[in-house]
Amino acid sequence: MTTDRDVLFTGIPVAIFAAVLVSSALTAFGRELADINVFLAVGINLIVVGGAAPTVLRWRNTPVWRWPVYGACVGGVLSFVVLGISVATNA
């Protein structure tokens, strides 16, 4: 029988990988859109994250998918912070 502590050794690296992947994808997408129009970048990123959130959050109850979901949530928040700082310093 595995405990939650045993799963941490594989779950945390998976969550970190998912966070890096989602964060870099959303940041790259948002930076390119911000070069066109800042409001377009914010609007489309909110639509993308808002559209994916219900499905992704439904997966967090599945034991195999909970770690990528945690990572994706952290990556999404991190991406919005990085985009906010990046757009504010370039404006």
N, C-alpha and C. Protein backbone atom coordinates (compact mmCIF):
# COMPACT_ATOMS: atom_id res chain seq x y z
N MET A 1 0.85 -1.18 0.00
CA MET A 1 0.00 0.00 0.00
C MET A 1 0.89 1.24 0.00
N THR A 2 0.66 2.13 -0.93
CA THR A 2 1.45 3.36 -1.00
C THR A 2 0.78 4.44 -0.16
N THR A 3 1.61 5.23 0.45
CA THR A 3 1.10 6.36 1.20
C THR A 3 1.29 7.61 0.37
N ASP A 4 0.73 8.70 0.85
CA ASP A 4 0.85 9.96 0.13
C ASP A 4 2.31 10.43 0.09
N ARG A 5 3.07 10.05 1.11
CA ARG A 5 4.48 10.44 1.16
C ARG A 5 5.27 9.76 0.03
N ASP A 6 4.91 8.52 -0.30
CA ASP A 6 5.59 7.81 -1.38
C ASP A 6 5.32 8.45 -2.74
N VAL A 7 4.17 9.01 -2.90
CA VAL A 7 3.78 9.59 -4.17
C VAL A 7 4.45 10.95 -4.39
N LEU A 8 4.88 11.59 -3.32
CA LEU A 8 5.51 12.91 -3.43
C LEU A 8 6.77 12.88 -4.28
N PHE A 9 7.52 11.79 -4.25
CA PHE A 9 8.77 11.71 -4.98
C PHE A 9 8.56 11.74 -6.49
N THR A 10 7.45 11.27 -6.96
CA THR A 10 7.15 11.38 -8.40
C THR A 10 6.17 12.50 -8.69
N GLY A 11 5.31 12.80 -7.75
CA GLY A 11 4.28 13.81 -7.98
C GLY A 11 4.82 15.22 -8.06
N ILE A 12 5.75 15.58 -7.20
CA ILE A 12 6.28 16.94 -7.20
C ILE A 12 7.06 17.23 -8.48
N PRO A 13 7.95 16.34 -8.98
CA PRO A 13 8.58 16.65 -10.26
C PRO A 13 7.59 16.77 -11.43
N VAL A 14 6.55 15.97 -11.40
CA VAL A 14 5.53 16.08 -12.45
C VAL A 14 4.82 17.42 -12.35
N ALA A 15 4.51 17.87 -11.13
CA ALA A 15 3.86 19.16 -10.93
C ALA A 15 4.78 20.30 -11.37
N ILE A 16 6.05 20.19 -11.07
CA ILE A 16 7.00 21.23 -11.49
C ILE A 16 7.11 21.27 -13.01
N PHE A 17 7.18 20.12 -13.65
CA PHE A 17 7.24 20.08 -15.11
C PHE A 17 5.98 20.69 -15.72
N ALA A 18 4.82 20.37 -15.18
CA ALA A 18 3.57 20.93 -15.69
C ALA A 18 3.53 22.43 -15.48
N ALA A 19 4.02 22.91 -14.34
CA ALA A 19 4.05 24.35 -14.07
C ALA A 19 4.95 25.08 -15.05
N VAL A 20 6.12 24.52 -15.32
CA VAL A 20 7.04 25.15 -16.27
C VAL A 20 6.45 25.15 -17.68
N LEU A 21 5.85 24.05 -18.06
CA LEU A 21 5.27 23.94 -19.40
C LEU A 21 4.12 24.93 -19.60
N VAL A 22 3.20 24.96 -18.66
CA VAL A 22 2.05 25.87 -18.77
C VAL A 22 2.49 27.32 -18.67
N SER A 23 3.39 27.58 -17.75
CA SER A 23 3.87 28.95 -17.55
C SER A 23 4.58 29.47 -18.80
N SER A 24 5.46 28.68 -19.37
CA SER A 24 6.18 29.15 -20.55
C SER A 24 5.26 29.29 -21.76
N ALA A 25 4.31 28.39 -21.91
CA ALA A 25 3.38 28.48 -23.04
C ALA A 25 2.49 29.72 -22.93
N LEU A 26 1.90 29.94 -21.76
CA LEU A 26 1.03 31.10 -21.59
C LEU A 26 1.81 32.41 -21.67
N THR A 27 3.03 32.42 -21.14
CA THR A 27 3.83 33.64 -21.18
C THR A 27 4.24 33.97 -22.61
N ALA A 28 4.68 32.98 -23.37
CA ALA A 28 5.07 33.22 -24.76
C ALA A 28 3.87 33.69 -25.59
N PHE A 29 2.73 33.04 -25.37
CA PHE A 29 1.51 33.41 -26.09
C PHE A 29 1.09 34.83 -25.72
N GLY A 30 1.14 35.15 -24.45
CA GLY A 30 0.74 36.48 -24.00
C GLY A 30 1.69 37.57 -24.44
N ARG A 31 3.00 37.28 -24.47
CA ARG A 31 3.97 38.29 -24.91
C ARG A 31 3.78 38.63 -26.39
N GLU A 32 3.53 37.63 -27.19
CA GLU A 32 3.31 37.89 -28.62
C GLU A 32 2.03 38.68 -28.84
N LEU A 33 0.99 38.36 -28.08
CA LEU A 33 -0.25 39.13 -28.20
C LEU A 33 -0.09 40.54 -27.65
N ALA A 34 0.72 40.70 -26.62
CA ALA A 34 0.93 42.03 -26.04
C ALA A 34 1.67 42.95 -27.01
N ASP A 35 2.46 42.37 -27.91
CA ASP A 35 3.11 43.19 -28.93
C ASP A 35 2.09 43.78 -29.89
N ILE A 36 0.98 43.11 -30.06
CA ILE A 36 -0.10 43.61 -30.93
C ILE A 36 -0.97 44.59 -30.15
N ASN A 37 -1.51 44.11 -29.02
CA ASN A 37 -2.39 44.95 -28.20
C ASN A 37 -2.44 44.35 -26.79
N VAL A 38 -2.20 45.17 -25.79
CA VAL A 38 -2.16 44.68 -24.40
C VAL A 38 -3.53 44.16 -23.96
N PHE A 39 -4.59 44.87 -24.32
CA PHE A 39 -5.92 44.43 -23.91
C PHE A 39 -6.32 43.13 -24.59
N LEU A 40 -5.87 42.95 -25.82
CA LEU A 40 -6.11 41.70 -26.53
C LEU A 40 -5.41 40.54 -25.81
N ALA A 41 -4.19 40.78 -25.37
CA ALA A 41 -3.43 39.74 -24.67
C ALA A 41 -4.11 39.34 -23.37
N VAL A 42 -4.53 40.32 -22.59
CA VAL A 42 -5.19 40.03 -21.32
C VAL A 42 -6.51 39.32 -21.56
N GLY A 43 -7.28 39.82 -22.50
CA GLY A 43 -8.60 39.23 -22.78
C GLY A 43 -8.51 37.80 -23.26
N ILE A 44 -7.63 37.54 -24.21
CA ILE A 44 -7.54 36.18 -24.75
C ILE A 44 -6.94 35.23 -23.73
N ASN A 45 -5.96 35.68 -22.95
CA ASN A 45 -5.42 34.80 -21.91
C ASN A 45 -6.47 34.47 -20.85
N LEU A 46 -7.29 35.42 -20.48
CA LEU A 46 -8.36 35.14 -19.52
C LEU A 46 -9.38 34.17 -20.10
N ILE A 47 -9.67 34.30 -21.38
CA ILE A 47 -10.61 33.37 -22.03
C ILE A 47 -10.02 31.97 -22.09
N VAL A 48 -8.74 31.86 -22.43
CA VAL A 48 -8.10 30.54 -22.51
C VAL A 48 -8.06 29.87 -21.14
N VAL A 49 -7.61 30.60 -20.13
CA VAL A 49 -7.52 30.03 -18.78
C VAL A 49 -8.91 29.76 -18.21
N GLY A 50 -9.84 30.68 -18.43
CA GLY A 50 -11.20 30.49 -17.94
C GLY A 50 -11.92 29.34 -18.62
N GLY A 51 -11.61 29.11 -19.88
CA GLY A 51 -12.23 27.99 -20.59
C GLY A 51 -11.66 26.64 -20.19
N ALA A 52 -10.37 26.62 -19.90
CA ALA A 52 -9.73 25.35 -19.54
C ALA A 52 -9.90 25.02 -18.06
N ALA A 53 -10.14 26.01 -17.23
CA ALA A 53 -10.18 25.80 -15.78
C ALA A 53 -11.23 24.78 -15.33
N PRO A 54 -12.47 24.82 -15.81
CA PRO A 54 -13.44 23.83 -15.31
C PRO A 54 -13.04 22.39 -15.61
N THR A 55 -12.50 22.14 -16.78
CA THR A 55 -12.08 20.78 -17.12
C THR A 55 -10.88 20.36 -16.30
N VAL A 56 -9.90 21.23 -16.20
CA VAL A 56 -8.69 20.90 -15.46
C VAL A 56 -9.00 20.69 -13.98
N LEU A 57 -9.82 21.54 -13.41
CA LEU A 57 -10.14 21.39 -11.99
C LEU A 57 -10.99 20.15 -11.70
N ARG A 58 -11.71 19.67 -12.69
CA ARG A 58 -12.45 18.42 -12.52
C ARG A 58 -11.51 17.22 -12.44
N TRP A 59 -10.33 17.34 -13.07
CA TRP A 59 -9.36 16.25 -13.07
C TRP A 59 -8.60 16.12 -11.77
N ARG A 60 -8.65 17.11 -10.89
CA ARG A 60 -7.83 17.06 -9.68
C ARG A 60 -8.28 15.99 -8.70
N ASN A 61 -9.46 15.44 -8.88
CA ASN A 61 -9.92 14.35 -8.01
C ASN A 61 -9.42 12.99 -8.47
N THR A 62 -8.86 12.91 -9.67
CA THR A 62 -8.30 11.67 -10.18
C THR A 62 -6.86 11.56 -9.68
N PRO A 63 -6.50 10.49 -9.00
CA PRO A 63 -5.17 10.41 -8.39
C PRO A 63 -4.01 10.62 -9.36
N VAL A 64 -4.09 10.12 -10.57
CA VAL A 64 -2.97 10.26 -11.51
C VAL A 64 -2.85 11.69 -12.02
N TRP A 65 -3.96 12.37 -12.19
CA TRP A 65 -3.95 13.71 -12.79
C TRP A 65 -3.82 14.84 -11.79
N ARG A 66 -3.87 14.57 -10.50
CA ARG A 66 -3.86 15.67 -9.54
C ARG A 66 -2.56 16.45 -9.56
N TRP A 67 -1.42 15.79 -9.76
CA TRP A 67 -0.15 16.51 -9.76
C TRP A 67 0.00 17.42 -10.98
N PRO A 68 -0.32 16.97 -12.19
CA PRO A 68 -0.27 17.91 -13.32
C PRO A 68 -1.26 19.07 -13.16
N VAL A 69 -2.40 18.81 -12.53
CA VAL A 69 -3.38 19.88 -12.30
C VAL A 69 -2.82 20.92 -11.34
N TYR A 70 -2.19 20.47 -10.26
CA TYR A 70 -1.58 21.42 -9.33
C TYR A 70 -0.50 22.24 -10.03
N GLY A 71 0.30 21.59 -10.85
CA GLY A 71 1.34 22.30 -11.58
C GLY A 71 0.77 23.28 -12.59
N ALA A 72 -0.30 22.89 -13.27
CA ALA A 72 -0.92 23.78 -14.26
C ALA A 72 -1.51 25.01 -13.59
N CYS A 73 -2.09 24.82 -12.42
CA CYS A 73 -2.66 25.97 -11.69
C CYS A 73 -1.56 26.94 -11.26
N VAL A 74 -0.47 26.41 -10.74
CA VAL A 74 0.65 27.26 -10.35
C VAL A 74 1.27 27.93 -11.57
N GLY A 75 1.40 27.21 -12.66
CA GLY A 75 1.96 27.77 -13.89
C GLY A 75 1.09 28.88 -14.46
N GLY A 76 -0.22 28.72 -14.39
CA GLY A 76 -1.11 29.77 -14.87
C GLY A 76 -1.01 31.05 -14.06
N VAL A 77 -0.96 30.90 -12.75
CA VAL A 77 -0.82 32.08 -11.88
C VAL A 77 0.54 32.73 -12.10
N LEU A 78 1.59 31.92 -12.18
CA LEU A 78 2.93 32.44 -12.41
C LEU A 78 3.02 33.17 -13.75
N SER A 79 2.36 32.65 -14.75
CA SER A 79 2.37 33.29 -16.07
C SER A 79 1.71 34.66 -16.03
N PHE A 80 0.59 34.77 -15.32
CA PHE A 80 -0.07 36.08 -15.24
C PHE A 80 0.78 37.09 -14.47
N VAL A 81 1.50 36.64 -13.46
CA VAL A 81 2.39 37.54 -12.72
C VAL A 81 3.54 38.00 -13.63
N VAL A 82 4.15 37.07 -14.35
CA VAL A 82 5.25 37.42 -15.24
C VAL A 82 4.77 38.33 -16.36
N LEU A 83 3.61 38.04 -16.92
CA LEU A 83 3.07 38.90 -17.99
C LEU A 83 2.75 40.30 -17.47
N GLY A 84 2.21 40.38 -16.27
CA GLY A 84 1.91 41.69 -15.69
C GLY A 84 3.15 42.52 -15.50
N ILE A 85 4.19 41.90 -14.97
CA ILE A 85 5.46 42.60 -14.78
C ILE A 85 6.08 42.98 -16.12
N SER A 86 6.04 42.07 -17.06
CA SER A 86 6.65 42.30 -18.37
C SER A 86 5.94 43.42 -19.13
N VAL A 87 4.63 43.42 -19.11
CA VAL A 87 3.88 44.46 -19.82
C VAL A 87 4.02 45.81 -19.11
N ALA A 88 4.07 45.80 -17.78
CA ALA A 88 4.20 47.05 -17.04
C ALA A 88 5.57 47.69 -17.25
N THR A 89 6.60 46.89 -17.37
CA THR A 89 7.93 47.47 -17.57
C THR A 89 8.17 47.91 -19.01
N ASN A 90 7.46 47.32 -19.96
CA ASN A 90 7.64 47.70 -21.37
C ASN A 90 6.68 48.79 -21.81
N ALA A 91 5.71 49.14 -20.98
CA ALA A 91 4.69 50.12 -21.38
C ALA A 91 5.19 51.53 -21.31
